[in-house]
């Protein structure tokens, strides 16, 4: 059910983009504009909350909780674990947008700044460091830690819906919880394809 519904949602957007790319672009631009204009304050506060929450977990007694059984030992070294996290968290996106994003903000700066000026350059670097700094890692960490805790510590399936068990109880196992999994898997699949396409573009250019 989850697979079929997720595939249907993704296929609908792909078909829309093939048949009417201008229409999809206009709708996406309008949706992003409305979302950021209406809920921008919420996103800023939420990301700040994630960052503070991760700091609390790291320096409190909860930071010592093992993501696995008490008798298990780490499979990888700290350096290998960090390398895997960095590659999976940033991956090809940093290779591409590490250059493209500052240049884009420099040529079309936000906030009504004049393109190509020192002020635009400073703003471009400021936004880029913000987008690729600690804040996105905080978002990744909150979601990843919740799934890892319930999967490796509690023996739950690696499903986003199972992280809601403390709130929903046994209801996470009923069909009504499936929209939670579809809501998470559809954008994640789209993001994976975007990263694959970026990597393909980079390898072709090389």
C-alpha atoms as a PDB file:
ATOM      1  CA  UNK A   1       0.000   0.000   0.000  1.00  0.00           C
ATOM      2  CA  UNK A   2       2.710   2.475   1.018  1.00  0.00           C
ATOM      3  CA  UNK A   3       4.854   1.604  -2.005  1.00  0.00           C
ATOM      4  CA  UNK A   4       2.003   1.890  -4.498  1.00  0.00           C
ATOM      5  CA  UNK A   5       0.703   5.169  -3.104  1.00  0.00           C
ATOM      6  CA  UNK A   6       4.196   6.695  -2.988  1.00  0.00           C
ATOM      7  CA  UNK A   7       4.921   5.584  -6.560  1.00  0.00           C
ATOM      8  CA  UNK A   8       1.587   7.028  -7.692  1.00  0.00           C
ATOM      9  CA  UNK A   9       2.336  10.421  -6.115  1.00  0.00           C
ATOM     10  CA  UNK A  10       5.824  10.565  -7.618  1.00  0.00           C
ATOM     11  CA  UNK A  11       4.592   9.388 -11.027  1.00  0.00           C
ATOM     12  CA  UNK A  12       1.891  12.071 -11.022  1.00  0.00           C
ATOM     13  CA  UNK A  13       4.467  14.818 -10.492  1.00  0.00           C
ATOM     14  CA  UNK A  14       6.813  13.337 -13.105  1.00  0.00           C
ATOM     15  CA  UNK A  15       3.968  13.124 -15.623  1.00  0.00           C
ATOM     16  CA  UNK A  16       2.922  16.684 -14.830  1.00  0.00           C
ATOM     17  CA  UNK A  17       6.487  17.854 -15.410  1.00  0.00           C
ATOM     18  CA  UNK A  18       6.698  16.021 -18.742  1.00  0.00           C
ATOM     19  CA  UNK A  19       3.359  17.259 -20.059  1.00  0.00           C
ATOM     20  CA  UNK A  20       3.451  20.792 -18.686  1.00  0.00           C
ATOM     21  CA  UNK A  21       6.850  21.805 -17.305  1.00  0.00           C
ATOM     22  CA  UNK A  22       5.888  25.491 -17.289  1.00  0.00           C
ATOM     23  CA  UNK A  23       2.712  24.724 -15.367  1.00  0.00           C
ATOM     24  CA  UNK A  24       4.545  22.613 -12.804  1.00  0.00           C
ATOM     25  CA  UNK A  25       7.220  25.292 -12.447  1.00  0.00           C
ATOM     26  CA  UNK A  26       4.643  28.026 -11.901  1.00  0.00           C
ATOM     27  CA  UNK A  27       2.706  25.929  -9.393  1.00  0.00           C
ATOM     28  CA  UNK A  28       5.873  24.965  -7.511  1.00  0.00           C
ATOM     29  CA  UNK A  29       7.074  28.575  -7.413  1.00  0.00           C
ATOM     30  CA  UNK A  30       3.714  29.750  -6.110  1.00  0.00           C
ATOM     31  CA  UNK A  31       3.601  26.966  -3.512  1.00  0.00           C
ATOM     32  CA  UNK A  32       7.115  27.713  -2.274  1.00  0.00           C
ATOM     33  CA  UNK A  33       6.395  31.432  -2.142  1.00  0.00           C
ATOM     34  CA  UNK A  34       3.191  30.931  -0.185  1.00  0.00           C
ATOM     35  CA  UNK A  35       4.814  28.437   2.190  1.00  0.00           C
ATOM     36  CA  UNK A  36       7.835  30.592   2.974  1.00  0.00           C
ATOM     37  CA  UNK A  37       5.727  33.729   3.267  1.00  0.00           C
ATOM     38  CA  UNK A  38       3.192  32.101   5.578  1.00  0.00           C
ATOM     39  CA  UNK A  39       5.296  29.662   7.582  1.00  0.00           C
ATOM     40  CA  UNK A  40       8.783  31.135   7.280  1.00  0.00           C
ATOM     41  CA  UNK A  41       8.785  32.154  10.937  1.00  0.00           C
ATOM     42  CA  UNK A  42       7.822  28.614  11.915  1.00  0.00           C
ATOM     43  CA  UNK A  43      10.662  27.069   9.896  1.00  0.00           C
ATOM     44  CA  UNK A  44      13.212  29.398  11.481  1.00  0.00           C
ATOM     45  CA  UNK A  45      12.015  28.653  15.010  1.00  0.00           C
ATOM     46  CA  UNK A  46      11.727  24.918  14.310  1.00  0.00           C
ATOM     47  CA  UNK A  47      15.274  24.643  12.964  1.00  0.00           C
ATOM     48  CA  UNK A  48      16.603  26.655  15.900  1.00  0.00           C
ATOM     49  CA  UNK A  49      14.697  24.322  18.209  1.00  0.00           C
ATOM     50  CA  UNK A  50      16.211  21.287  16.476  1.00  0.00           C
ATOM     51  CA  UNK A  51      19.692  22.748  16.889  1.00  0.00           C
ATOM     52  CA  UNK A  52      19.196  23.455  20.598  1.00  0.00           C
ATOM     53  CA  UNK A  53      17.622  20.042  21.110  1.00  0.00           C
ATOM     54  CA  UNK A  54      20.598  18.300  19.486  1.00  0.00           C
ATOM     55  CA  UNK A  55      22.948  20.281  21.708  1.00  0.00           C
ATOM     56  CA  UNK A  56      20.949  19.218  24.745  1.00  0.00           C
ATOM     57  CA  UNK A  57      21.100  15.557  23.708  1.00  0.00           C
ATOM     58  CA  UNK A  58      24.832  15.732  23.044  1.00  0.00           C
ATOM     59  CA  UNK A  59      25.776  17.226  26.412  1.00  0.00           C
ATOM     60  CA  UNK A  60      23.182  15.595  28.657  1.00  0.00           C
ATOM     61  CA  UNK A  61      22.957  12.070  30.016  1.00  0.00           C
ATOM     62  CA  UNK A  62      20.891  11.083  26.964  1.00  0.00           C
ATOM     63  CA  UNK A  63      23.987  11.479  24.824  1.00  0.00           C
ATOM     64  CA  UNK A  64      25.346   8.282  26.368  1.00  0.00           C
ATOM     65  CA  UNK A  65      22.379   6.175  25.222  1.00  0.00           C
ATOM     66  CA  UNK A  66      23.656   3.502  22.851  1.00  0.00           C
ATOM     67  CA  UNK A  67      21.846   3.112  19.532  1.00  0.00           C
ATOM     68  CA  UNK A  68      21.836  -0.644  19.876  1.00  0.00           C
ATOM     69  CA  UNK A  69      21.698  -3.326  22.518  1.00  0.00           C
ATOM     70  CA  UNK A  70      23.748  -2.823  25.662  1.00  0.00           C
ATOM     71  CA  UNK A  71      26.124  -5.677  24.796  1.00  0.00           C
ATOM     72  CA  UNK A  72      26.794  -4.561  21.217  1.00  0.00           C
ATOM     73  CA  UNK A  73      29.983  -2.863  20.045  1.00  0.00           C
ATOM     74  CA  UNK A  74      30.328  -0.268  17.251  1.00  0.00           C
ATOM     75  CA  UNK A  75      30.731  -1.824  13.825  1.00  0.00           C
ATOM     76  CA  UNK A  76      32.718   1.132  12.452  1.00  0.00           C
ATOM     77  CA  UNK A  77      35.313   3.495  13.849  1.00  0.00           C
ATOM     78  CA  UNK A  78      34.442   7.090  14.708  1.00  0.00           C
ATOM     79  CA  UNK A  79      36.265   8.389  11.621  1.00  0.00           C
ATOM     80  CA  UNK A  80      34.486   5.932   9.310  1.00  0.00           C
ATOM     81  CA  UNK A  81      31.147   6.769  10.910  1.00  0.00           C
ATOM     82  CA  UNK A  82      31.739  10.497  10.436  1.00  0.00           C
ATOM     83  CA  UNK A  83      32.733   9.967   6.792  1.00  0.00           C
ATOM     84  CA  UNK A  84      29.577   7.970   6.095  1.00  0.00           C
ATOM     85  CA  UNK A  85      27.385  10.551   7.800  1.00  0.00           C
ATOM     86  CA  UNK A  86      28.971  13.408   5.875  1.00  0.00           C
ATOM     87  CA  UNK A  87      28.707  11.596   2.535  1.00  0.00           C
ATOM     88  CA  UNK A  88      25.086  10.603   3.087  1.00  0.00           C
ATOM     89  CA  UNK A  89      24.055  13.908   4.637  1.00  0.00           C
ATOM     90  CA  UNK A  90      25.677  16.256   2.141  1.00  0.00           C
ATOM     91  CA  UNK A  91      26.840  13.984  -0.650  1.00  0.00           C
ATOM     92  CA  UNK A  92      26.791  15.235  -4.189  1.00  0.00           C
ATOM     93  CA  UNK A  93      24.662  18.224  -3.205  1.00  0.00           C
ATOM     94  CA  UNK A  94      27.620  19.950  -1.579  1.00  0.00           C
ATOM     95  CA  UNK A  95      29.843  19.237  -4.585  1.00  0.00           C
ATOM     96  CA  UNK A  96      27.361  20.956  -6.890  1.00  0.00           C
ATOM     97  CA  UNK A  97      25.741  23.631  -4.726  1.00  0.00           C
ATOM     98  CA  UNK A  98      28.940  24.435  -2.865  1.00  0.00           C
ATOM     99  CA  UNK A  99      29.789  26.544  -5.916  1.00  0.00           C
ATOM    100  CA  UNK A 100      26.405  27.062  -7.587  1.00  0.00           C
ATOM    101  CA  UNK A 101      24.576  28.460  -4.558  1.00  0.00           C
ATOM    102  CA  UNK A 102      26.999  31.299  -3.675  1.00  0.00           C
ATOM    103  CA  UNK A 103      27.230  32.271  -7.345  1.00  0.00           C
ATOM    104  CA  UNK A 104      23.437  32.232  -7.667  1.00  0.00           C
ATOM    105  CA  UNK A 105      22.989  34.428  -4.592  1.00  0.00           C
ATOM    106  CA  UNK A 106      25.767  36.722  -5.813  1.00  0.00           C
ATOM    107  CA  UNK A 107      24.089  37.251  -9.192  1.00  0.00           C
ATOM    108  CA  UNK A 108      20.525  37.369  -7.832  1.00  0.00           C
ATOM    109  CA  UNK A 109      20.958  38.426  -4.198  1.00  0.00           C
ATOM    110  CA  UNK A 110      18.052  38.352  -1.747  1.00  0.00           C
ATOM    111  CA  UNK A 111      16.802  41.347   0.148  1.00  0.00           C
ATOM    112  CA  UNK A 112      16.911  43.747  -2.783  1.00  0.00           C
ATOM    113  CA  UNK A 113      20.718  43.997  -2.858  1.00  0.00           C
ATOM    114  CA  UNK A 114      22.503  45.061  -6.027  1.00  0.00           C
ATOM    115  CA  UNK A 115      23.925  42.066  -7.936  1.00  0.00           C
ATOM    116  CA  UNK A 116      27.680  41.831  -8.272  1.00  0.00           C
ATOM    117  CA  UNK A 117      28.499  44.096  -5.332  1.00  0.00           C
ATOM    118  CA  UNK A 118      30.559  43.338  -2.206  1.00  0.00           C
ATOM    119  CA  UNK A 119      27.323  43.406  -0.195  1.00  0.00           C
ATOM    120  CA  UNK A 120      25.857  40.751  -2.490  1.00  0.00           C
ATOM    121  CA  UNK A 121      28.998  38.633  -2.089  1.00  0.00           C
ATOM    122  CA  UNK A 122      28.784  38.800   1.700  1.00  0.00           C
ATOM    123  CA  UNK A 123      25.080  37.932   1.625  1.00  0.00           C
ATOM    124  CA  UNK A 124      25.747  35.034  -0.759  1.00  0.00           C
ATOM    125  CA  UNK A 125      28.334  33.510   1.554  1.00  0.00           C
ATOM    126  CA  UNK A 126      26.160  34.132   4.605  1.00  0.00           C
ATOM    127  CA  UNK A 127      23.181  32.299   3.130  1.00  0.00           C
ATOM    128  CA  UNK A 128      25.351  29.473   1.801  1.00  0.00           C
ATOM    129  CA  UNK A 129      27.062  28.888   5.149  1.00  0.00           C
ATOM    130  CA  UNK A 130      23.660  28.906   6.818  1.00  0.00           C
ATOM    131  CA  UNK A 131      22.230  26.354   4.375  1.00  0.00           C
ATOM    132  CA  UNK A 132      25.226  24.027   4.651  1.00  0.00           C
ATOM    133  CA  UNK A 133      26.176  24.595   8.287  1.00  0.00           C
ATOM    134  CA  UNK A 134      24.953  23.101  11.545  1.00  0.00           C
ATOM    135  CA  UNK A 135      21.266  23.826  10.996  1.00  0.00           C
ATOM    136  CA  UNK A 136      20.548  21.193   8.301  1.00  0.00           C
ATOM    137  CA  UNK A 137      22.571  18.684  10.313  1.00  0.00           C
ATOM    138  CA  UNK A 138      20.254  19.329  13.259  1.00  0.00           C
ATOM    139  CA  UNK A 139      17.238  18.483  11.093  1.00  0.00           C
ATOM    140  CA  UNK A 140      18.900  15.321   9.812  1.00  0.00           C
ATOM    141  CA  UNK A 141      19.910  14.325  13.329  1.00  0.00           C
ATOM    142  CA  UNK A 142      16.473  14.649  14.917  1.00  0.00           C
ATOM    143  CA  UNK A 143      14.853  12.444  12.275  1.00  0.00           C
ATOM    144  CA  UNK A 144      17.741   9.966  12.065  1.00  0.00           C
ATOM    145  CA  UNK A 145      18.112   9.614  15.829  1.00  0.00           C
ATOM    146  CA  UNK A 146      14.406   8.984  16.311  1.00  0.00           C
ATOM    147  CA  UNK A 147      14.370   6.242  13.664  1.00  0.00           C
ATOM    148  CA  UNK A 148      17.657   4.745  14.886  1.00  0.00           C
ATOM    149  CA  UNK A 149      16.540   4.693  18.516  1.00  0.00           C
ATOM    150  CA  UNK A 150      13.283   2.878  17.849  1.00  0.00           C
ATOM    151  CA  UNK A 151      14.882   0.555  15.303  1.00  0.00           C
ATOM    152  CA  UNK A 152      18.128  -0.480  17.004  1.00  0.00           C
ATOM    153  CA  UNK A 153      17.092   0.040  20.623  1.00  0.00           C
ATOM    154  CA  UNK A 154      13.432  -0.979  20.585  1.00  0.00           C
ATOM    155  CA  UNK A 155      13.472  -3.433  17.675  1.00  0.00           C
ATOM    156  CA  UNK A 156      10.900  -1.530  15.609  1.00  0.00           C
ATOM    157  CA  UNK A 157      10.876  -1.514  11.791  1.00  0.00           C
ATOM    158  CA  UNK A 158      12.756   1.399  10.220  1.00  0.00           C
ATOM    159  CA  UNK A 159       9.569   3.322   9.471  1.00  0.00           C
ATOM    160  CA  UNK A 160       8.913   6.965  10.218  1.00  0.00           C
ATOM    161  CA  UNK A 161       5.486   6.050  11.588  1.00  0.00           C
ATOM    162  CA  UNK A 162       7.017   3.896  14.349  1.00  0.00           C
ATOM    163  CA  UNK A 163       8.723   6.948  15.853  1.00  0.00           C
ATOM    164  CA  UNK A 164       5.246   8.192  16.777  1.00  0.00           C
ATOM    165  CA  UNK A 165       4.533   5.174  18.999  1.00  0.00           C
ATOM    166  CA  UNK A 166       4.937   7.172  22.265  1.00  0.00           C
ATOM    167  CA  UNK A 167       2.187   9.492  21.009  1.00  0.00           C
ATOM    168  CA  UNK A 168      -0.076   7.088  19.089  1.00  0.00           C
ATOM    169  CA  UNK A 169       0.584   3.755  20.808  1.00  0.00           C
ATOM    170  CA  UNK A 170      -0.598   0.721  18.850  1.00  0.00           C
ATOM    171  CA  UNK A 171      -2.274   2.954  16.288  1.00  0.00           C
ATOM    172  CA  UNK A 172       1.057   3.271  14.437  1.00  0.00           C
ATOM    173  CA  UNK A 173       0.524  -0.296  13.196  1.00  0.00           C
ATOM    174  CA  UNK A 174      -2.939   0.273  11.707  1.00  0.00           C
ATOM    175  CA  UNK A 175      -3.592   1.362   8.097  1.00  0.00           C
ATOM    176  CA  UNK A 176      -4.397   4.906   9.214  1.00  0.00           C
ATOM    177  CA  UNK A 177      -0.680   5.403   9.970  1.00  0.00           C
ATOM    178  CA  UNK A 178       0.327   4.689   6.386  1.00  0.00           C
ATOM    179  CA  UNK A 179      -0.041   8.315   5.246  1.00  0.00           C
ATOM    180  CA  UNK A 180       2.862   9.114   7.598  1.00  0.00           C
ATOM    181  CA  UNK A 181       5.072   6.698   5.687  1.00  0.00           C
ATOM    182  CA  UNK A 182       3.888   7.949   2.283  1.00  0.00           C
ATOM    183  CA  UNK A 183       4.433  11.551   3.365  1.00  0.00           C
ATOM    184  CA  UNK A 184       8.037  10.707   4.242  1.00  0.00           C
ATOM    185  CA  UNK A 185       8.952   8.297   1.453  1.00  0.00           C
ATOM    186  CA  UNK A 186       7.703  10.373  -1.495  1.00  0.00           C
ATOM    187  CA  UNK A 187       9.904  13.461  -0.936  1.00  0.00           C
ATOM    188  CA  UNK A 188      12.831  11.265   0.137  1.00  0.00           C
ATOM    189  CA  UNK A 189      12.650   9.371  -3.164  1.00  0.00           C
ATOM    190  CA  UNK A 190      12.514  12.644  -5.075  1.00  0.00           C
ATOM    191  CA  UNK A 191      15.553  13.920  -3.177  1.00  0.00           C
ATOM    192  CA  UNK A 192      17.473  10.723  -3.972  1.00  0.00           C
ATOM    193  CA  UNK A 193      16.737  11.127  -7.676  1.00  0.00           C
ATOM    194  CA  UNK A 194      17.788  14.789  -7.537  1.00  0.00           C
ATOM    195  CA  UNK A 195      21.135  13.858  -5.995  1.00  0.00           C
ATOM    196  CA  UNK A 196      21.620  11.091  -8.557  1.00  0.00           C
ATOM    197  CA  UNK A 197      20.920  13.537 -11.387  1.00  0.00           C
ATOM    198  CA  UNK A 198      23.389  16.059  -9.957  1.00  0.00           C
ATOM    199  CA  UNK A 199      26.045  13.378  -9.709  1.00  0.00           C
ATOM    200  CA  UNK A 200      25.348  12.314 -13.269  1.00  0.00           C
ATOM    201  CA  UNK A 201      25.697  15.901 -14.484  1.00  0.00           C
ATOM    202  CA  UNK A 202      28.994  16.305 -12.652  1.00  0.00           C
ATOM    203  CA  UNK A 203      30.436  13.057 -13.992  1.00  0.00           C
ATOM    204  CA  UNK A 204      29.346  13.913 -17.537  1.00  0.00           C
ATOM    205  CA  UNK A 205      30.930  17.365 -17.301  1.00  0.00           C
ATOM    206  CA  UNK A 206      34.155  15.847 -16.026  1.00  0.00           C
END
